[in-house]
Structures are given as structure tokens and as C-alpha cells.
Amino acid sequence: MSANGPNKRLTIVIPALNEQDKIADTIDGVLPLARDLLDDFEIFLIDDGSTDNTGAIMDQFAAEEPRLTVVHHAQRQGVGAAFKWALQHAKFNAITLIPGDHAFKNEGIARMFKAAGAADIVITYRDNQSDRSLNRSFQSHSLRFLLNCTFGFWLFDYHSMIIYPVKWLRQIPVKADGYGYQICSLISLLQLGLTHVQVPVSLNAELKGSSRALRPRTYFELGMTILSLLRRAPIRHIDASQVPAQAERVPHQ
């Protein structure tokens, strides 16, 4: 595959909190696509303090596939903490996060994997957000409009799945946790002038009940992330010659 195109070696992070009904569907979707479409991969399954059988299901998958590693958190630490841990332990030069609640259709994940290596950053955008609740759809479109007007990158989406370049992301300070980590990471990388492509993906039917993304704490986290990005000078001082050609990782134990 890499002989005729870009190298496709990817670290995949799948965090989950109490997703025993969805985590198997997520892994069953991602794993065969990774085997078929990537040159090599590793998957970190992060059990973020689950009190149900999420961690046990992850362990069952890892027992059958050596490229799966399960990390169990005794208490909930958040999506940002899971991603930061994986970033420090990744052995490949590209990394992405796929939610453990089977949020995305497999066809979109396949498009993202196929686009790996086409640019420094692969940014997916959700093309069926109108299928979600009116309130949730309005919030997503409003956030995108605010970020586009504020930072001028005019992306279709800032909070879908993204393939990041590990060697660059390790060089920039990303202090945000929770939902803010992705916005902070993406805008920081774009401020460096890295190339990007945008790829459409589709959401699976939204589960009934309230979404964690709608909680007041989430609004506060996103607001603080945007404020911190506005208050600091854009990151443009990284010397590309000083960035290692291969990402150096922290070995996991």
C-alpha cells in the first residue's frame, strides 16, 4: 500500500465511559477497516473509569489482537486525558481518536483511513448533523461559525474525527481537557501553517436521552478554550528542523 501512496501507519485511540452496549460495535467496525486500509496500526482502548462491563469487553478484544492495548482508569479522567496519554505513548507518527459510543458510521471511518497521509492533518466533517435534534444541530453550527469567524480557517467542522501529526502535536502546549482539547489542538496546528484535507463522515442515529456534550460544564470548557486561544500569541515559532523525523514516545508499561 505504501509503495503506491503515502505511508499509512496510525495510532488509534478509542476512549469509553460506561459504553458496554456500544463498545463492541465500535471495535468490530474499526478493527477490520484498520487491517484492510492501513499499513500498520495500534489501538489504545481507554476504559475511563467505567462501572459497567466496558473494560471487560475491551480486555476480551485485546486478548485476540496483539495490536490492541487496554488502559483502565480507576476514575473518570475525561477524553482529553485519554488522548494526551495516547499521544505520549504512540509509536506511529499519526494519531486519531474515535469515540467508543459507535457514533460514526463505518463508511466514514474508512474514508478517513484512506485519506491518511494525504496532508499533514486529515479533518473529517459530519455531513448529517441535521439528522440530530434541532438544539444539538444549532449548537454545532453556531460553534463552527464562531470559530471560523474568530480564527479564519473556515472549516466545515472542528469537532469530528481528526488525524493529527504526532511529531507536531507533541511540540505545542495543549492545556485543555474534555471537549476543548480537540479544538485547541486543531487550531494550534493550523496556526503553524500545516496542510489539511477535509473528508465527509456520517453519524449513526443518536441515542435517546441527554447527551454529555450538552452539559453546562461542556459550555464552560469550550468557552475557556476559545478564550485561552485568543489571549495567547499564535504558535509560529517552532523550528521545523528541530522536530525529529520520527516521533519519540514514552514506552507504556
C-alpha atoms as a PDB file:
ATOM      1  CA  MET A   1       0.000   0.000   0.000  1.00  0.00           C
ATOM      2  CA  SER A   2       2.708   2.484   0.928  1.00  0.00           C
ATOM      3  CA  ALA A   3       4.647   1.672  -2.265  1.00  0.00           C
ATOM      4  CA  ASN A   4       1.990   3.411  -4.343  1.00  0.00           C
ATOM      5  CA  GLY A   5       0.961   6.171  -1.939  1.00  0.00           C
ATOM      6  CA  PRO A   6       1.529   7.805   1.426  1.00  0.00           C
ATOM      7  CA  ASN A   7       2.583   5.795   4.421  1.00  0.00           C
ATOM      8  CA  LYS A   8      -0.463   4.765   6.425  1.00  0.00           C
ATOM      9  CA  ARG A   9       0.658   3.905   9.950  1.00  0.00           C
ATOM     10  CA  LEU A  10      -1.756   5.106  12.584  1.00  0.00           C
ATOM     11  CA  THR A  11      -2.243   5.170  16.338  1.00  0.00           C
ATOM     12  CA  ILE A  12      -5.964   4.934  17.104  1.00  0.00           C
ATOM     13  CA  VAL A  13      -7.419   5.985  20.454  1.00  0.00           C
ATOM     14  CA  ILE A  14     -10.851   4.677  21.479  1.00  0.00           C
ATOM     15  CA  PRO A  15     -11.981   6.044  24.863  1.00  0.00           C
ATOM     16  CA  ALA A  16     -15.196   4.910  26.501  1.00  0.00           C
ATOM     17  CA  LEU A  17     -17.111   5.528  29.712  1.00  0.00           C
ATOM     18  CA  ASN A  18     -19.910   3.062  30.523  1.00  0.00           C
ATOM     19  CA  GLU A  19     -20.433   2.050  26.883  1.00  0.00           C
ATOM     20  CA  GLN A  20     -20.933  -1.699  27.348  1.00  0.00           C
ATOM     21  CA  ASP A  21     -23.756  -1.677  24.782  1.00  0.00           C
ATOM     22  CA  LYS A  22     -21.719   0.142  22.124  1.00  0.00           C
ATOM     23  CA  ILE A  23     -18.008  -0.531  22.599  1.00  0.00           C
ATOM     24  CA  ALA A  24     -18.078  -3.931  20.863  1.00  0.00           C
ATOM     25  CA  ASP A  25     -19.821  -2.390  17.824  1.00  0.00           C
ATOM     26  CA  THR A  26     -17.187   0.348  17.745  1.00  0.00           C
ATOM     27  CA  ILE A  27     -14.229  -2.056  17.857  1.00  0.00           C
ATOM     28  CA  ASP A  28     -15.870  -4.503  15.433  1.00  0.00           C
ATOM     29  CA  GLY A  29     -16.198  -1.611  12.984  1.00  0.00           C
ATOM     30  CA  VAL A  30     -12.751  -0.071  13.394  1.00  0.00           C
ATOM     31  CA  LEU A  31     -10.579  -3.196  13.599  1.00  0.00           C
ATOM     32  CA  PRO A  32     -11.286  -4.767  10.178  1.00  0.00           C
ATOM     33  CA  LEU A  33     -11.015  -1.367   8.490  1.00  0.00           C
ATOM     34  CA  ALA A  34      -7.627  -0.792  10.110  1.00  0.00           C
ATOM     35  CA  ARG A  35      -6.433  -4.211   8.982  1.00  0.00           C
ATOM     36  CA  ASP A  36      -7.611  -3.659   5.405  1.00  0.00           C
ATOM     37  CA  LEU A  37      -6.776   0.021   4.813  1.00  0.00           C
ATOM     38  CA  LEU A  38      -3.699   0.814   6.929  1.00  0.00           C
ATOM     39  CA  ASP A  39      -0.106  -0.338   6.539  1.00  0.00           C
ATOM     40  CA  ASP A  40       0.176  -0.775  10.282  1.00  0.00           C
ATOM     41  CA  PHE A  41      -1.688   0.395  13.361  1.00  0.00           C
ATOM     42  CA  GLU A  42      -2.049   0.218  17.108  1.00  0.00           C
ATOM     43  CA  ILE A  43      -5.244   0.795  19.055  1.00  0.00           C
ATOM     44  CA  PHE A  44      -5.400   2.103  22.595  1.00  0.00           C
ATOM     45  CA  LEU A  45      -8.690   1.207  24.266  1.00  0.00           C
ATOM     46  CA  ILE A  46      -9.154   3.592  27.198  1.00  0.00           C
ATOM     47  CA  ASP A  47     -11.628   2.492  29.856  1.00  0.00           C
ATOM     48  CA  ASP A  48     -12.225   5.851  31.526  1.00  0.00           C
ATOM     49  CA  GLY A  49     -13.449   4.715  34.929  1.00  0.00           C
ATOM     50  CA  SER A  50     -16.408   2.668  33.704  1.00  0.00           C
ATOM     51  CA  THR A  51     -18.598   0.975  36.303  1.00  0.00           C
ATOM     52  CA  ASP A  52     -20.196  -1.457  33.842  1.00  0.00           C
ATOM     53  CA  ASN A  53     -18.649  -4.167  31.634  1.00  0.00           C
ATOM     54  CA  THR A  54     -16.924  -1.779  29.196  1.00  0.00           C
ATOM     55  CA  GLY A  55     -13.417  -2.628  30.454  1.00  0.00           C
ATOM     56  CA  ALA A  56     -14.063  -6.378  30.436  1.00  0.00           C
ATOM     57  CA  ILE A  57     -15.264  -6.246  26.815  1.00  0.00           C
ATOM     58  CA  MET A  58     -12.130  -4.312  25.863  1.00  0.00           C
ATOM     59  CA  ASP A  59      -9.973  -6.960  27.534  1.00  0.00           C
ATOM     60  CA  GLN A  60     -11.686  -9.686  25.522  1.00  0.00           C
ATOM     61  CA  PHE A  61     -10.835  -7.959  22.248  1.00  0.00           C
ATOM     62  CA  ALA A  62      -7.241  -7.291  23.322  1.00  0.00           C
ATOM     63  CA  ALA A  63      -6.747 -10.969  24.177  1.00  0.00           C
ATOM     64  CA  GLU A  64      -7.327 -11.819  20.492  1.00  0.00           C
ATOM     65  CA  GLU A  65      -5.463  -8.929  18.807  1.00  0.00           C
ATOM     66  CA  PRO A  66      -1.900  -8.040  19.924  1.00  0.00           C
ATOM     67  CA  ARG A  67      -2.140  -4.553  18.414  1.00  0.00           C
ATOM     68  CA  LEU A  68      -4.835  -3.627  20.950  1.00  0.00           C
ATOM     69  CA  THR A  69      -3.788  -2.236  24.329  1.00  0.00           C
ATOM     70  CA  VAL A  70      -6.303  -1.626  27.114  1.00  0.00           C
ATOM     71  CA  VAL A  71      -5.779   1.118  29.692  1.00  0.00           C
ATOM     72  CA  HIS A  72      -8.068   1.108  32.725  1.00  0.00           C
ATOM     73  CA  HIS A  73      -8.621   4.336  34.648  1.00  0.00           C
ATOM     74  CA  ALA A  74      -9.790   3.846  38.229  1.00  0.00           C
ATOM     75  CA  GLN A  75     -11.744   7.102  37.969  1.00  0.00           C
ATOM     76  CA  ARG A  76     -13.040   9.197  35.116  1.00  0.00           C
ATOM     77  CA  GLN A  77     -10.327  11.473  33.710  1.00  0.00           C
ATOM     78  CA  GLY A  78     -12.002  12.730  30.538  1.00  0.00           C
ATOM     79  CA  VAL A  79     -11.465  12.465  26.799  1.00  0.00           C
ATOM     80  CA  GLY A  80      -8.617  14.967  26.813  1.00  0.00           C
ATOM     81  CA  ALA A  81      -6.634  12.995  29.391  1.00  0.00           C
ATOM     82  CA  ALA A  82      -7.119   9.779  27.414  1.00  0.00           C
ATOM     83  CA  PHE A  83      -5.895  11.431  24.238  1.00  0.00           C
ATOM     84  CA  LYS A  84      -2.867  13.018  25.911  1.00  0.00           C
ATOM     85  CA  TRP A  85      -1.829   9.672  27.375  1.00  0.00           C
ATOM     86  CA  ALA A  86      -2.076   8.010  23.973  1.00  0.00           C
ATOM     87  CA  LEU A  87      -0.175  10.870  22.332  1.00  0.00           C
ATOM     88  CA  GLN A  88       2.765  10.364  24.671  1.00  0.00           C
ATOM     89  CA  HIS A  89       2.796   6.590  24.126  1.00  0.00           C
ATOM     90  CA  ALA A  90       2.071   6.483  20.376  1.00  0.00           C
ATOM     91  CA  LYS A  91       4.656   4.672  18.278  1.00  0.00           C
ATOM     92  CA  PHE A  92       3.423   5.968  14.918  1.00  0.00           C
ATOM     93  CA  ASN A  93       3.618   9.493  13.505  1.00  0.00           C
ATOM     94  CA  ALA A  94      -0.142   9.947  13.088  1.00  0.00           C
ATOM     95  CA  ILE A  95      -2.875   9.647  15.685  1.00  0.00           C
ATOM     96  CA  THR A  96      -6.658   9.834  15.731  1.00  0.00           C
ATOM     97  CA  LEU A  97      -9.452   9.472  18.278  1.00  0.00           C
ATOM     98  CA  ILE A  98     -12.623   7.514  17.556  1.00  0.00           C
ATOM     99  CA  PRO A  99     -15.403   7.703  20.183  1.00  0.00           C
ATOM    100  CA  GLY A 100     -16.276   4.445  21.885  1.00  0.00           C
ATOM    101  CA  ASP A 101     -20.043   5.003  21.611  1.00  0.00           C
ATOM    102  CA  HIS A 102     -20.210   3.922  17.943  1.00  0.00           C
ATOM    103  CA  ALA A 103     -21.023   7.494  16.958  1.00  0.00           C
ATOM    104  CA  PHE A 104     -19.696   7.307  13.385  1.00  0.00           C
ATOM    105  CA  LYS A 105     -20.716   5.079  10.508  1.00  0.00           C
ATOM    106  CA  ASN A 106     -18.031   2.691   9.305  1.00  0.00           C
ATOM    107  CA  GLU A 107     -18.062   4.151   5.792  1.00  0.00           C
ATOM    108  CA  GLY A 108     -16.828   7.474   7.131  1.00  0.00           C
ATOM    109  CA  ILE A 109     -14.096   5.850   9.207  1.00  0.00           C
ATOM    110  CA  ALA A 110     -12.983   4.057   6.049  1.00  0.00           C
ATOM    111  CA  ARG A 111     -12.778   7.380   4.168  1.00  0.00           C
ATOM    112  CA  MET A 112     -10.658   8.837   6.949  1.00  0.00           C
ATOM    113  CA  PHE A 113      -8.271   5.868   6.903  1.00  0.00           C
ATOM    114  CA  LYS A 114      -7.980   6.087   3.114  1.00  0.00           C
ATOM    115  CA  ALA A 115      -7.088   9.800   3.394  1.00  0.00           C
ATOM    116  CA  ALA A 116      -4.338   9.173   5.951  1.00  0.00           C
ATOM    117  CA  GLY A 117      -1.092  10.703   4.729  1.00  0.00           C
ATOM    118  CA  ALA A 118      -2.765  12.877   2.069  1.00  0.00           C
ATOM    119  CA  ALA A 119      -1.906  16.000   4.124  1.00  0.00           C
ATOM    120  CA  ASP A 120      -0.409  16.895   7.498  1.00  0.00           C
ATOM    121  CA  ILE A 121      -3.889  16.858   9.047  1.00  0.00           C
ATOM    122  CA  VAL A 122      -6.980  14.923   7.963  1.00  0.00           C
ATOM    123  CA  ILE A 123     -10.112  16.722   9.212  1.00  0.00           C
ATOM    124  CA  THR A 124     -13.422  14.925   8.916  1.00  0.00           C
ATOM    125  CA  TYR A 125     -16.726  16.759   8.960  1.00  0.00           C
ATOM    126  CA  ARG A 126     -20.134  15.402   9.898  1.00  0.00           C
ATOM    127  CA  ASP A 127     -22.391  15.654   6.835  1.00  0.00           C
ATOM    128  CA  ASN A 128     -25.678  14.649   8.512  1.00  0.00           C
ATOM    129  CA  GLN A 129     -25.839  16.837  11.598  1.00  0.00           C
ATOM    130  CA  SER A 130     -29.307  17.950  10.520  1.00  0.00           C
ATOM    131  CA  ASP A 131     -30.484  14.456  11.482  1.00  0.00           C
ATOM    132  CA  ARG A 132     -29.756  15.231  15.126  1.00  0.00           C
ATOM    133  CA  SER A 133     -32.017  17.173  17.462  1.00  0.00           C
ATOM    134  CA  LEU A 134     -32.671  20.773  16.435  1.00  0.00           C
ATOM    135  CA  ASN A 135     -31.000  22.033  19.597  1.00  0.00           C
ATOM    136  CA  ARG A 136     -27.864  19.926  19.122  1.00  0.00           C
ATOM    137  CA  SER A 137     -27.596  20.804  15.430  1.00  0.00           C
ATOM    138  CA  PHE A 138     -27.961  24.518  16.188  1.00  0.00           C
ATOM    139  CA  GLN A 139     -25.222  24.348  18.810  1.00  0.00           C
ATOM    140  CA  SER A 140     -22.799  22.602  16.435  1.00  0.00           C
ATOM    141  CA  HIS A 141     -23.389  25.059  13.601  1.00  0.00           C
ATOM    142  CA  SER A 142     -23.112  28.027  15.962  1.00  0.00           C
ATOM    143  CA  LEU A 143     -19.804  26.805  17.382  1.00  0.00           C
ATOM    144  CA  ARG A 144     -18.380  26.268  13.891  1.00  0.00           C
ATOM    145  CA  PHE A 145     -19.486  29.743  12.775  1.00  0.00           C
ATOM    146  CA  LEU A 146     -17.931  31.314  15.878  1.00  0.00           C
ATOM    147  CA  LEU A 147     -14.613  29.526  15.409  1.00  0.00           C
ATOM    148  CA  ASN A 148     -14.470  30.279  11.673  1.00  0.00           C
ATOM    149  CA  CYS A 149     -15.120  33.988  12.252  1.00  0.00           C
ATOM    150  CA  THR A 150     -12.667  34.150  15.141  1.00  0.00           C
ATOM    151  CA  PHE A 151      -9.720  32.262  13.648  1.00  0.00           C
ATOM    152  CA  GLY A 152     -10.398  32.442   9.896  1.00  0.00           C
ATOM    153  CA  PHE A 153      -9.753  28.845   8.868  1.00  0.00           C
ATOM    154  CA  TRP A 154     -13.292  28.278   7.509  1.00  0.00           C
ATOM    155  CA  LEU A 155     -13.527  24.590   8.236  1.00  0.00           C
ATOM    156  CA  PHE A 156     -16.671  22.514   7.843  1.00  0.00           C
ATOM    157  CA  ASP A 157     -16.243  21.023  11.328  1.00  0.00           C
ATOM    158  CA  TYR A 158     -13.972  21.414  14.350  1.00  0.00           C
ATOM    159  CA  HIS A 159     -15.181  18.545  16.471  1.00  0.00           C
ATOM    160  CA  SER A 160     -15.337  15.440  14.334  1.00  0.00           C
ATOM    161  CA  MET A 161     -12.638  12.764  13.922  1.00  0.00           C
ATOM    162  CA  ILE A 162      -9.185  14.107  13.034  1.00  0.00           C
ATOM    163  CA  ILE A 163      -5.859  12.520  12.118  1.00  0.00           C
ATOM    164  CA  TYR A 164      -3.117  14.592  13.757  1.00  0.00           C
ATOM    165  CA  PRO A 165       0.646  14.598  13.093  1.00  0.00           C
ATOM    166  CA  VAL A 166       2.204  13.290  16.307  1.00  0.00           C
ATOM    167  CA  LYS A 167       5.603  14.964  15.929  1.00  0.00           C
ATOM    168  CA  TRP A 168       3.986  18.402  15.651  1.00  0.00           C
ATOM    169  CA  LEU A 169       1.315  17.922  18.274  1.00  0.00           C
ATOM    170  CA  ARG A 170       3.931  16.932  20.860  1.00  0.00           C
ATOM    171  CA  GLN A 171       5.653  20.274  20.335  1.00  0.00           C
ATOM    172  CA  ILE A 172       2.730  22.526  21.208  1.00  0.00           C
ATOM    173  CA  PRO A 173       1.116  23.235  24.586  1.00  0.00           C
ATOM    174  CA  VAL A 174      -2.444  21.931  24.759  1.00  0.00           C
ATOM    175  CA  LYS A 175      -3.766  22.549  28.252  1.00  0.00           C
ATOM    176  CA  ALA A 176      -7.442  21.969  27.546  1.00  0.00           C
ATOM    177  CA  ASP A 177      -9.191  18.819  28.727  1.00  0.00           C
ATOM    178  CA  GLY A 178     -12.580  17.377  27.915  1.00  0.00           C
ATOM    179  CA  TYR A 179     -14.146  18.560  24.670  1.00  0.00           C
ATOM    180  CA  GLY A 180     -11.826  21.555  24.438  1.00  0.00           C
ATOM    181  CA  TYR A 181      -8.676  19.515  23.791  1.00  0.00           C
ATOM    182  CA  GLN A 182      -9.563  18.877  20.135  1.00  0.00           C
ATOM    183  CA  ILE A 183     -10.378  22.475  19.263  1.00  0.00           C
ATOM    184  CA  CYS A 184      -7.202  23.690  20.949  1.00  0.00           C
ATOM    185  CA  SER A 185      -5.068  21.046  19.229  1.00  0.00           C
ATOM    186  CA  LEU A 186      -6.526  21.622  15.780  1.00  0.00           C
ATOM    187  CA  ILE A 187      -6.344  25.421  15.818  1.00  0.00           C
ATOM    188  CA  SER A 188      -2.803  25.321  17.203  1.00  0.00           C
ATOM    189  CA  LEU A 189      -1.671  23.044  14.361  1.00  0.00           C
ATOM    190  CA  LEU A 190      -3.416  25.125  11.708  1.00  0.00           C
ATOM    191  CA  GLN A 191      -1.688  28.231  13.063  1.00  0.00           C
ATOM    192  CA  LEU A 192       1.597  26.536  12.192  1.00  0.00           C
ATOM    193  CA  GLY A 193       0.555  26.520   8.536  1.00  0.00           C
ATOM    194  CA  LEU A 194       0.286  22.732   8.232  1.00  0.00           C
ATOM    195  CA  THR A 195      -1.610  21.350   5.253  1.00  0.00           C
ATOM    196  CA  HIS A 196      -5.011  19.725   5.674  1.00  0.00           C
ATOM    197  CA  VAL A 197      -7.740  17.908   3.784  1.00  0.00           C
ATOM    198  CA  GLN A 198     -11.404  17.618   4.755  1.00  0.00           C
ATOM    199  CA  VAL A 199     -13.304  14.341   4.449  1.00  0.00           C
ATOM    200  CA  PRO A 200     -17.070  13.780   4.968  1.00  0.00           C
ATOM    201  CA  VAL A 201     -18.297  11.277   7.539  1.00  0.00           C
ATOM    202  CA  SER A 202     -21.782  10.411   8.797  1.00  0.00           C
ATOM    203  CA  LEU A 203     -23.117   9.979  12.309  1.00  0.00           C
ATOM    204  CA  ASN A 204     -25.068   6.957  13.418  1.00  0.00           C
ATOM    205  CA  ALA A 205     -28.530   7.550  14.859  1.00  0.00           C
ATOM    206  CA  GLU A 206     -28.206   9.492  18.102  1.00  0.00           C
ATOM    207  CA  LEU A 207     -29.068   7.585  21.261  1.00  0.00           C
ATOM    208  CA  LYS A 208     -32.143   8.633  23.152  1.00  0.00           C
ATOM    209  CA  GLY A 209     -31.654  10.686  26.286  1.00  0.00           C
ATOM    210  CA  SER A 210     -29.438  13.608  27.143  1.00  0.00           C
ATOM    211  CA  SER A 211     -26.003  13.909  25.598  1.00  0.00           C
ATOM    212  CA  ARG A 212     -22.908  14.596  27.663  1.00  0.00           C
ATOM    213  CA  ALA A 213     -21.989  17.271  25.148  1.00  0.00           C
ATOM    214  CA  LEU A 214     -24.949  19.399  26.216  1.00  0.00           C
ATOM    215  CA  ARG A 215     -23.958  19.795  29.857  1.00  0.00           C
ATOM    216  CA  PRO A 216     -23.173  23.265  31.243  1.00  0.00           C
ATOM    217  CA  ARG A 217     -19.658  22.110  32.105  1.00  0.00           C
ATOM    218  CA  THR A 218     -19.028  21.474  28.420  1.00  0.00           C
ATOM    219  CA  TYR A 219     -20.017  25.036  27.521  1.00  0.00           C
ATOM    220  CA  PHE A 220     -17.660  26.331  30.201  1.00  0.00           C
ATOM    221  CA  GLU A 221     -14.769  24.177  28.940  1.00  0.00           C
ATOM    222  CA  LEU A 222     -15.256  25.298  25.347  1.00  0.00           C
ATOM    223  CA  GLY A 223     -15.511  28.944  26.381  1.00  0.00           C
ATOM    224  CA  MET A 224     -12.299  28.748  28.384  1.00  0.00           C
ATOM    225  CA  THR A 225     -10.538  27.018  25.475  1.00  0.00           C
ATOM    226  CA  ILE A 226     -11.531  29.731  22.996  1.00  0.00           C
ATOM    227  CA  LEU A 227     -10.563  32.451  25.470  1.00  0.00           C
ATOM    228  CA  SER A 228      -7.141  30.893  26.052  1.00  0.00           C
ATOM    229  CA  LEU A 229      -6.526  30.676  22.307  1.00  0.00           C
ATOM    230  CA  LEU A 230      -7.446  34.331  21.872  1.00  0.00           C
ATOM    231  CA  ARG A 231      -5.269  35.503  24.741  1.00  0.00           C
ATOM    232  CA  ARG A 232      -2.094  33.786  23.589  1.00  0.00           C
ATOM    233  CA  ALA A 233       0.001  34.651  20.559  1.00  0.00           C
ATOM    234  CA  PRO A 234      -0.443  32.246  17.621  1.00  0.00           C
ATOM    235  CA  ILE A 235       2.094  29.426  17.675  1.00  0.00           C
ATOM    236  CA  ARG A 236       4.504  30.130  14.848  1.00  0.00           C
ATOM    237  CA  HIS A 237       7.905  29.796  16.489  1.00  0.00           C
ATOM    238  CA  ILE A 238       8.532  26.052  16.113  1.00  0.00           C
ATOM    239  CA  ASP A 239      11.647  25.356  14.044  1.00  0.00           C
ATOM    240  CA  ALA A 240      10.823  22.501  11.689  1.00  0.00           C
ATOM    241  CA  SER A 241      14.487  21.481  11.581  1.00  0.00           C
ATOM    242  CA  GLN A 242      14.335  20.774  15.312  1.00  0.00           C
ATOM    243  CA  VAL A 243      11.348  18.462  15.087  1.00  0.00           C
ATOM    244  CA  PRO A 244      12.508  14.819  14.974  1.00  0.00           C
ATOM    245  CA  ALA A 245      11.733  12.905  11.795  1.00  0.00           C
ATOM    246  CA  GLN A 246      10.362  10.079  13.931  1.00  0.00           C
ATOM    247  CA  ALA A 247       8.111  10.694  16.886  1.00  0.00           C
ATOM    248  CA  GLU A 248       9.679   9.829  20.226  1.00  0.00           C
ATOM    249  CA  ARG A 249       7.261   8.138  22.544  1.00  0.00           C
ATOM    250  CA  VAL A 250       7.068   7.264  26.195  1.00  0.00           C
ATOM    251  CA  PRO A 251       7.059   3.447  26.458  1.00  0.00           C
ATOM    252  CA  HIS A 252       3.889   2.161  28.072  1.00  0.00           C
ATOM    253  CA  GLN A 253       4.113  -0.331  30.881  1.00  0.00           C
END
